[in-house]
Amino acid sequence: MTPITRAERCSDLNRQVDEALETHAAATQVTAAKALQRKGNRFCANKKQAQGIRMLANALKLLGVTPIDPVQ
């Protein structure tokens, strides 16, 4: 099985943040998490996936969710 690309990881984490925002809508850090998600998506779109992945992972952590790593 081929490892996923950073771009795929960006998409995967973005989906996880979307789901976490729905299930943790009452979290105090929702606004901050959304801001990190936007920043992360911007980095991912501008070929800076490593920074984007970090931002998206931090958004999940703010919501109290552990990022799910893909099975390699």
PDB file of N, CA and C in Angstrom:
ATOM      1  N   MET A   1       0.843  -1.192   0.000  1.00  0.00           N
ATOM      2  CA  MET A   1       0.000   0.000   0.000  1.00  0.00           C
ATOM      3  C   MET A   1       0.888   1.256   0.000  1.00  0.00           C
ATOM      4  N   THR A   2       0.549   2.193  -0.837  1.00  0.00           N
ATOM      5  CA  THR A   2       1.366   3.402  -0.915  1.00  0.00           C
ATOM      6  C   THR A   2       1.005   4.364   0.208  1.00  0.00           C
ATOM      7  N   PRO A   3       2.009   5.028   0.758  1.00  0.00           N
ATOM      8  CA  PRO A   3       1.715   6.020   1.810  1.00  0.00           C
ATOM      9  C   PRO A   3       0.917   7.189   1.229  1.00  0.00           C
ATOM     10  N   ILE A   4       0.111   7.800   2.056  1.00  0.00           N
ATOM     11  CA  ILE A   4      -0.684   8.921   1.550  1.00  0.00           C
ATOM     12  C   ILE A   4       0.193  10.155   1.387  1.00  0.00           C
ATOM     13  N   THR A   5      -0.190  10.994   0.452  1.00  0.00           N
ATOM     14  CA  THR A   5       0.565  12.223   0.226  1.00  0.00           C
ATOM     15  C   THR A   5       0.185  13.247   1.286  1.00  0.00           C
ATOM     16  N   ARG A   6       0.984  14.276   1.373  1.00  0.00           N
ATOM     17  CA  ARG A   6       0.664  15.349   2.328  1.00  0.00           C
ATOM     18  C   ARG A   6      -0.644  16.030   1.945  1.00  0.00           C
ATOM     19  N   ALA A   7      -0.902  16.159   0.645  1.00  0.00           N
ATOM     20  CA  ALA A   7      -2.154  16.784   0.206  1.00  0.00           C
ATOM     21  C   ALA A   7      -3.348  15.951   0.665  1.00  0.00           C
ATOM     22  N   GLU A   8      -3.225  14.621   0.568  1.00  0.00           N
ATOM     23  CA  GLU A   8      -4.300  13.736   1.037  1.00  0.00           C
ATOM     24  C   GLU A   8      -4.458  13.854   2.548  1.00  0.00           C
ATOM     25  N   ARG A   9      -3.345  13.988   3.241  1.00  0.00           N
ATOM     26  CA  ARG A   9      -3.388  14.144   4.706  1.00  0.00           C
ATOM     27  C   ARG A   9      -4.100  15.441   5.077  1.00  0.00           C
ATOM     28  N   CYS A  10      -3.846  16.507   4.308  1.00  0.00           N
ATOM     29  CA  CYS A  10      -4.542  17.782   4.528  1.00  0.00           C
ATOM     30  C   CYS A  10      -6.052  17.578   4.428  1.00  0.00           C
ATOM     31  N   SER A  11      -6.480  16.915   3.352  1.00  0.00           N
ATOM     32  CA  SER A  11      -7.914  16.685   3.143  1.00  0.00           C
ATOM     33  C   SER A  11      -8.503  15.848   4.264  1.00  0.00           C
ATOM     34  N   ASP A  12      -7.771  14.814   4.652  1.00  0.00           N
ATOM     35  CA  ASP A  12      -8.236  13.914   5.699  1.00  0.00           C
ATOM     36  C   ASP A  12      -8.395  14.655   7.028  1.00  0.00           C
ATOM     37  N   LEU A  13      -7.393  15.443   7.396  1.00  0.00           N
ATOM     38  CA  LEU A  13      -7.461  16.192   8.656  1.00  0.00           C
ATOM     39  C   LEU A  13      -8.554  17.259   8.604  1.00  0.00           C
ATOM     40  N   ASN A  14      -8.726  17.890   7.451  1.00  0.00           N
ATOM     41  CA  ASN A  14      -9.765  18.903   7.313  1.00  0.00           C
ATOM     42  C   ASN A  14     -11.139  18.282   7.562  1.00  0.00           C
ATOM     43  N   ARG A  15     -11.343  17.074   7.024  1.00  0.00           N
ATOM     44  CA  ARG A  15     -12.609  16.371   7.240  1.00  0.00           C
ATOM     45  C   ARG A  15     -12.781  16.039   8.733  1.00  0.00           C
ATOM     46  N   GLN A  16     -11.686  15.633   9.376  1.00  0.00           N
ATOM     47  CA  GLN A  16     -11.751  15.331  10.811  1.00  0.00           C
ATOM     48  C   GLN A  16     -12.121  16.579  11.617  1.00  0.00           C
ATOM     49  N   VAL A  17     -11.567  17.736  11.231  1.00  0.00           N
ATOM     50  CA  VAL A  17     -11.889  18.985  11.933  1.00  0.00           C
ATOM     51  C   VAL A  17     -13.365  19.318  11.723  1.00  0.00           C
ATOM     52  N   ASP A  18     -13.859  19.173  10.490  1.00  0.00           N
ATOM     53  CA  ASP A  18     -15.282  19.427  10.220  1.00  0.00           C
ATOM     54  C   ASP A  18     -16.165  18.574  11.128  1.00  0.00           C
ATOM     55  N   GLU A  19     -15.841  17.283  11.214  1.00  0.00           N
ATOM     56  CA  GLU A  19     -16.627  16.370  12.055  1.00  0.00           C
ATOM     57  C   GLU A  19     -16.522  16.756  13.522  1.00  0.00           C
ATOM     58  N   ALA A  20     -15.325  17.105  13.964  1.00  0.00           N
ATOM     59  CA  ALA A  20     -15.120  17.482  15.364  1.00  0.00           C
ATOM     60  C   ALA A  20     -15.885  18.761  15.695  1.00  0.00           C
ATOM     61  N   LEU A  21     -15.938  19.698  14.745  1.00  0.00           N
ATOM     62  CA  LEU A  21     -16.678  20.943  14.987  1.00  0.00           C
ATOM     63  C   LEU A  21     -18.165  20.661  15.155  1.00  0.00           C
ATOM     64  N   GLU A  22     -18.671  19.664  14.422  1.00  0.00           N
ATOM     65  CA  GLU A  22     -20.085  19.301  14.564  1.00  0.00           C
ATOM     66  C   GLU A  22     -20.350  18.620  15.899  1.00  0.00           C
ATOM     67  N   THR A  23     -19.476  17.694  16.264  1.00  0.00           N
ATOM     68  CA  THR A  23     -19.722  16.919  17.478  1.00  0.00           C
ATOM     69  C   THR A  23     -19.293  17.642  18.750  1.00  0.00           C
ATOM     70  N   HIS A  24     -18.460  18.671  18.614  1.00  0.00           N
ATOM     71  CA  HIS A  24     -17.986  19.420  19.782  1.00  0.00           C
ATOM     72  C   HIS A  24     -18.374  20.893  19.659  1.00  0.00           C
ATOM     73  N   ALA A  25     -19.560  21.140  19.132  1.00  0.00           N
ATOM     74  CA  ALA A  25     -19.998  22.515  18.860  1.00  0.00           C
ATOM     75  C   ALA A  25     -20.005  23.380  20.116  1.00  0.00           C
ATOM     76  N   ALA A  26     -20.126  22.758  21.284  1.00  0.00           N
ATOM     77  CA  ALA A  26     -20.187  23.523  22.527  1.00  0.00           C
ATOM     78  C   ALA A  26     -18.797  23.799  23.111  1.00  0.00           C
ATOM     79  N   ALA A  27     -17.762  23.283  22.473  1.00  0.00           N
ATOM     80  CA  ALA A  27     -16.404  23.486  22.988  1.00  0.00           C
ATOM     81  C   ALA A  27     -16.072  24.972  23.022  1.00  0.00           C
ATOM     82  N   THR A  28     -15.351  25.373  24.063  1.00  0.00           N
ATOM     83  CA  THR A  28     -15.026  26.794  24.219  1.00  0.00           C
ATOM     84  C   THR A  28     -14.057  27.273  23.147  1.00  0.00           C
ATOM     85  N   GLN A  29     -13.347  26.365  22.531  1.00  0.00           N
ATOM     86  CA  GLN A  29     -12.309  26.740  21.567  1.00  0.00           C
ATOM     87  C   GLN A  29     -12.764  26.655  20.111  1.00  0.00           C
ATOM     88  N   VAL A  30     -14.074  26.588  19.862  1.00  0.00           N
ATOM     89  CA  VAL A  30     -14.579  26.426  18.494  1.00  0.00           C
ATOM     90  C   VAL A  30     -14.073  27.532  17.567  1.00  0.00           C
ATOM     91  N   THR A  31     -14.148  28.779  18.008  1.00  0.00           N
ATOM     92  CA  THR A  31     -13.722  29.894  17.153  1.00  0.00           C
ATOM     93  C   THR A  31     -12.241  29.787  16.822  1.00  0.00           C
ATOM     94  N   ALA A  32     -11.432  29.487  17.828  1.00  0.00           N
ATOM     95  CA  ALA A  32      -9.991  29.345  17.604  1.00  0.00           C
ATOM     96  C   ALA A  32      -9.702  28.159  16.689  1.00  0.00           C
ATOM     97  N   ALA A  33     -10.436  27.067  16.873  1.00  0.00           N
ATOM     98  CA  ALA A  33     -10.229  25.883  16.034  1.00  0.00           C
ATOM     99  C   ALA A  33     -10.589  26.183  14.580  1.00  0.00           C
ATOM    100  N   LYS A  34     -11.677  26.925  14.366  1.00  0.00           N
ATOM    101  CA  LYS A  34     -12.069  27.293  12.994  1.00  0.00           C
ATOM    102  C   LYS A  34     -11.005  28.173  12.356  1.00  0.00           C
ATOM    103  N   ALA A  35     -10.429  29.086  13.136  1.00  0.00           N
ATOM    104  CA  ALA A  35      -9.375  29.956  12.609  1.00  0.00           C
ATOM    105  C   ALA A  35      -8.154  29.121  12.212  1.00  0.00           C
ATOM    106  N   LEU A  36      -7.788  28.156  13.051  1.00  0.00           N
ATOM    107  CA  LEU A  36      -6.655  27.282  12.722  1.00  0.00           C
ATOM    108  C   LEU A  36      -6.966  26.440  11.491  1.00  0.00           C
ATOM    109  N   GLN A  37      -8.215  25.998  11.370  1.00  0.00           N
ATOM    110  CA  GLN A  37      -8.607  25.207  10.206  1.00  0.00           C
ATOM    111  C   GLN A  37      -8.454  26.039   8.928  1.00  0.00           C
ATOM    112  N   ARG A  38      -8.914  27.284   8.978  1.00  0.00           N
ATOM    113  CA  ARG A  38      -8.779  28.153   7.798  1.00  0.00           C
ATOM    114  C   ARG A  38      -7.310  28.363   7.439  1.00  0.00           C
ATOM    115  N   LYS A  39      -6.490  28.626   8.465  1.00  0.00           N
ATOM    116  CA  LYS A  39      -5.053  28.812   8.229  1.00  0.00           C
ATOM    117  C   LYS A  39      -4.437  27.546   7.653  1.00  0.00           C
ATOM    118  N   GLY A  40      -4.796  26.420   8.244  1.00  0.00           N
ATOM    119  CA  GLY A  40      -4.262  25.136   7.772  1.00  0.00           C
ATOM    120  C   GLY A  40      -4.629  24.875   6.328  1.00  0.00           C
ATOM    121  N   ASN A  41      -5.882  25.148   5.974  1.00  0.00           N
ATOM    122  CA  ASN A  41      -6.320  24.940   4.595  1.00  0.00           C
ATOM    123  C   ASN A  41      -5.577  25.864   3.644  1.00  0.00           C
ATOM    124  N   ARG A  42      -5.321  27.084   4.094  1.00  0.00           N
ATOM    125  CA  ARG A  42      -4.584  28.030   3.258  1.00  0.00           C
ATOM    126  C   ARG A  42      -3.154  27.518   3.015  1.00  0.00           C
ATOM    127  N   PHE A  43      -2.508  27.038   4.079  1.00  0.00           N
ATOM    128  CA  PHE A  43      -1.163  26.480   3.916  1.00  0.00           C
ATOM    129  C   PHE A  43      -1.195  25.296   2.941  1.00  0.00           C
ATOM    130  N   CYS A  44      -2.167  24.401   3.138  1.00  0.00           N
ATOM    131  CA  CYS A  44      -2.265  23.218   2.271  1.00  0.00           C
ATOM    132  C   CYS A  44      -2.461  23.632   0.811  1.00  0.00           C
ATOM    133  N   ALA A  45      -3.285  24.641   0.581  1.00  0.00           N
ATOM    134  CA  ALA A  45      -3.565  25.101  -0.782  1.00  0.00           C
ATOM    135  C   ALA A  45      -2.351  25.768  -1.416  1.00  0.00           C
ATOM    136  N   ASN A  46      -1.456  26.288  -0.593  1.00  0.00           N
ATOM    137  CA  ASN A  46      -0.279  26.997  -1.103  1.00  0.00           C
ATOM    138  C   ASN A  46       0.987  26.146  -1.063  1.00  0.00           C
ATOM    139  N   LYS A  47       0.810  24.837  -1.165  1.00  0.00           N
ATOM    140  CA  LYS A  47       1.948  23.899  -1.220  1.00  0.00           C
ATOM    141  C   LYS A  47       2.803  23.916   0.046  1.00  0.00           C
ATOM    142  N   LYS A  48       2.197  24.290   1.154  1.00  0.00           N
ATOM    143  CA  LYS A  48       2.911  24.264   2.436  1.00  0.00           C
ATOM    144  C   LYS A  48       2.192  23.270   3.349  1.00  0.00           C
ATOM    145  N   GLN A  49       2.099  22.020   2.840  1.00  0.00           N
ATOM    146  CA  GLN A  49       1.300  21.018   3.536  1.00  0.00           C
ATOM    147  C   GLN A  49       1.785  20.706   4.938  1.00  0.00           C
ATOM    148  N   ALA A  50       3.101  20.703   5.166  1.00  0.00           N
ATOM    149  CA  ALA A  50       3.598  20.361   6.504  1.00  0.00           C
ATOM    150  C   ALA A  50       3.048  21.342   7.534  1.00  0.00           C
ATOM    151  N   GLN A  51       3.072  22.640   7.199  1.00  0.00           N
ATOM    152  CA  GLN A  51       2.527  23.643   8.115  1.00  0.00           C
ATOM    153  C   GLN A  51       1.010  23.491   8.232  1.00  0.00           C
ATOM    154  N   GLY A  52       0.356  23.215   7.119  1.00  0.00           N
ATOM    155  CA  GLY A  52      -1.095  23.036   7.128  1.00  0.00           C
ATOM    156  C   GLY A  52      -1.521  21.868   7.994  1.00  0.00           C
ATOM    157  N   ILE A  53      -0.796  20.769   7.874  1.00  0.00           N
ATOM    158  CA  ILE A  53      -1.101  19.573   8.668  1.00  0.00           C
ATOM    159  C   ILE A  53      -0.964  19.883  10.155  1.00  0.00           C
ATOM    160  N   ARG A  54       0.085  20.633  10.516  1.00  0.00           N
ATOM    161  CA  ARG A  54       0.267  21.010  11.933  1.00  0.00           C
ATOM    162  C   ARG A  54      -0.895  21.866  12.419  1.00  0.00           C
ATOM    163  N   MET A  55      -1.310  22.836  11.609  1.00  0.00           N
ATOM    164  CA  MET A  55      -2.425  23.714  11.997  1.00  0.00           C
ATOM    165  C   MET A  55      -3.711  22.911  12.195  1.00  0.00           C
ATOM    166  N   LEU A  56      -3.991  22.006  11.251  1.00  0.00           N
ATOM    167  CA  LEU A  56      -5.217  21.206  11.336  1.00  0.00           C
ATOM    168  C   LEU A  56      -5.172  20.279  12.552  1.00  0.00           C
ATOM    169  N   ALA A  57      -4.006  19.696  12.820  1.00  0.00           N
ATOM    170  CA  ALA A  57      -3.872  18.826  13.994  1.00  0.00           C
ATOM    171  C   ALA A  57      -4.072  19.635  15.275  1.00  0.00           C
ATOM    172  N   ASN A  58      -3.543  20.856  15.302  1.00  0.00           N
ATOM    173  CA  ASN A  58      -3.723  21.715  16.476  1.00  0.00           C
ATOM    174  C   ASN A  58      -5.184  22.109  16.649  1.00  0.00           C
ATOM    175  N   ALA A  59      -5.898  22.315  15.548  1.00  0.00           N
ATOM    176  CA  ALA A  59      -7.331  22.630  15.633  1.00  0.00           C
ATOM    177  C   ALA A  59      -8.071  21.473  16.295  1.00  0.00           C
ATOM    178  N   LEU A  60      -7.735  20.249  15.916  1.00  0.00           N
ATOM    179  CA  LEU A  60      -8.370  19.077  16.524  1.00  0.00           C
ATOM    180  C   LEU A  60      -8.056  19.009  18.014  1.00  0.00           C
ATOM    181  N   LYS A  61      -6.806  19.262  18.367  1.00  0.00           N
ATOM    182  CA  LYS A  61      -6.411  19.199  19.781  1.00  0.00           C
ATOM    183  C   LYS A  61      -7.157  20.244  20.606  1.00  0.00           C
ATOM    184  N   LEU A  62      -7.376  21.425  20.022  1.00  0.00           N
ATOM    185  CA  LEU A  62      -8.138  22.466  20.732  1.00  0.00           C
ATOM    186  C   LEU A  62      -9.541  21.982  21.068  1.00  0.00           C
ATOM    187  N   LEU A  63     -10.086  21.151  20.190  1.00  0.00           N
ATOM    188  CA  LEU A  63     -11.438  20.630  20.398  1.00  0.00           C
ATOM    189  C   LEU A  63     -11.428  19.375  21.270  1.00  0.00           C
ATOM    190  N   GLY A  64     -10.250  18.985  21.714  1.00  0.00           N
ATOM    191  CA  GLY A  64     -10.146  17.803  22.571  1.00  0.00           C
ATOM    192  C   GLY A  64     -10.206  16.503  21.802  1.00  0.00           C
ATOM    193  N   VAL A  65      -9.862  16.550  20.516  1.00  0.00           N
ATOM    194  CA  VAL A  65      -9.923  15.364  19.666  1.00  0.00           C
ATOM    195  C   VAL A  65      -8.509  14.994  19.233  1.00  0.00           C
ATOM    196  N   THR A  66      -8.201  13.709  19.287  1.00  0.00           N
ATOM    197  CA  THR A  66      -6.903  13.237  18.827  1.00  0.00           C
ATOM    198  C   THR A  66      -6.982  12.996  17.325  1.00  0.00           C
ATOM    199  N   PRO A  67      -6.053  13.576  16.555  1.00  0.00           N
ATOM    200  CA  PRO A  67      -6.070  13.334  15.104  1.00  0.00           C
ATOM    201  C   PRO A  67      -5.938  11.843  14.807  1.00  0.00           C
ATOM    202  N   ILE A  68      -6.724  11.358  13.869  1.00  0.00           N
ATOM    203  CA  ILE A  68      -6.667   9.946  13.490  1.00  0.00           C
ATOM    204  C   ILE A  68      -5.658   9.811  12.365  1.00  0.00           C
ATOM    205  N   ASP A  69      -4.624   9.029  12.626  1.00  0.00           N
ATOM    206  CA  ASP A  69      -3.606   8.817  11.598  1.00  0.00           C
ATOM    207  C   ASP A  69      -4.069   7.725  10.650  1.00  0.00           C
ATOM    208  N   PRO A  70      -3.819   7.919   9.359  1.00  0.00           N
ATOM    209  CA  PRO A  70      -4.208   6.888   8.397  1.00  0.00           C
ATOM    210  C   PRO A  70      -3.363   5.639   8.596  1.00  0.00           C
ATOM    211  N   VAL A  71      -3.918   4.502   8.264  1.00  0.00           N
ATOM    212  CA  VAL A  71      -3.177   3.251   8.361  1.00  0.00           C
ATOM    213  C   VAL A  71      -2.236   3.195   7.172  1.00  0.00           C
ATOM    214  N   GLN A  72      -0.971   3.048   7.467  1.00  0.00           N
ATOM    215  CA  GLN A  72       0.028   3.023   6.384  1.00  0.00           C
ATOM    216  C   GLN A  72       0.170   1.622   5.838  1.00  0.00           C
TER     217      GLN A  72
END
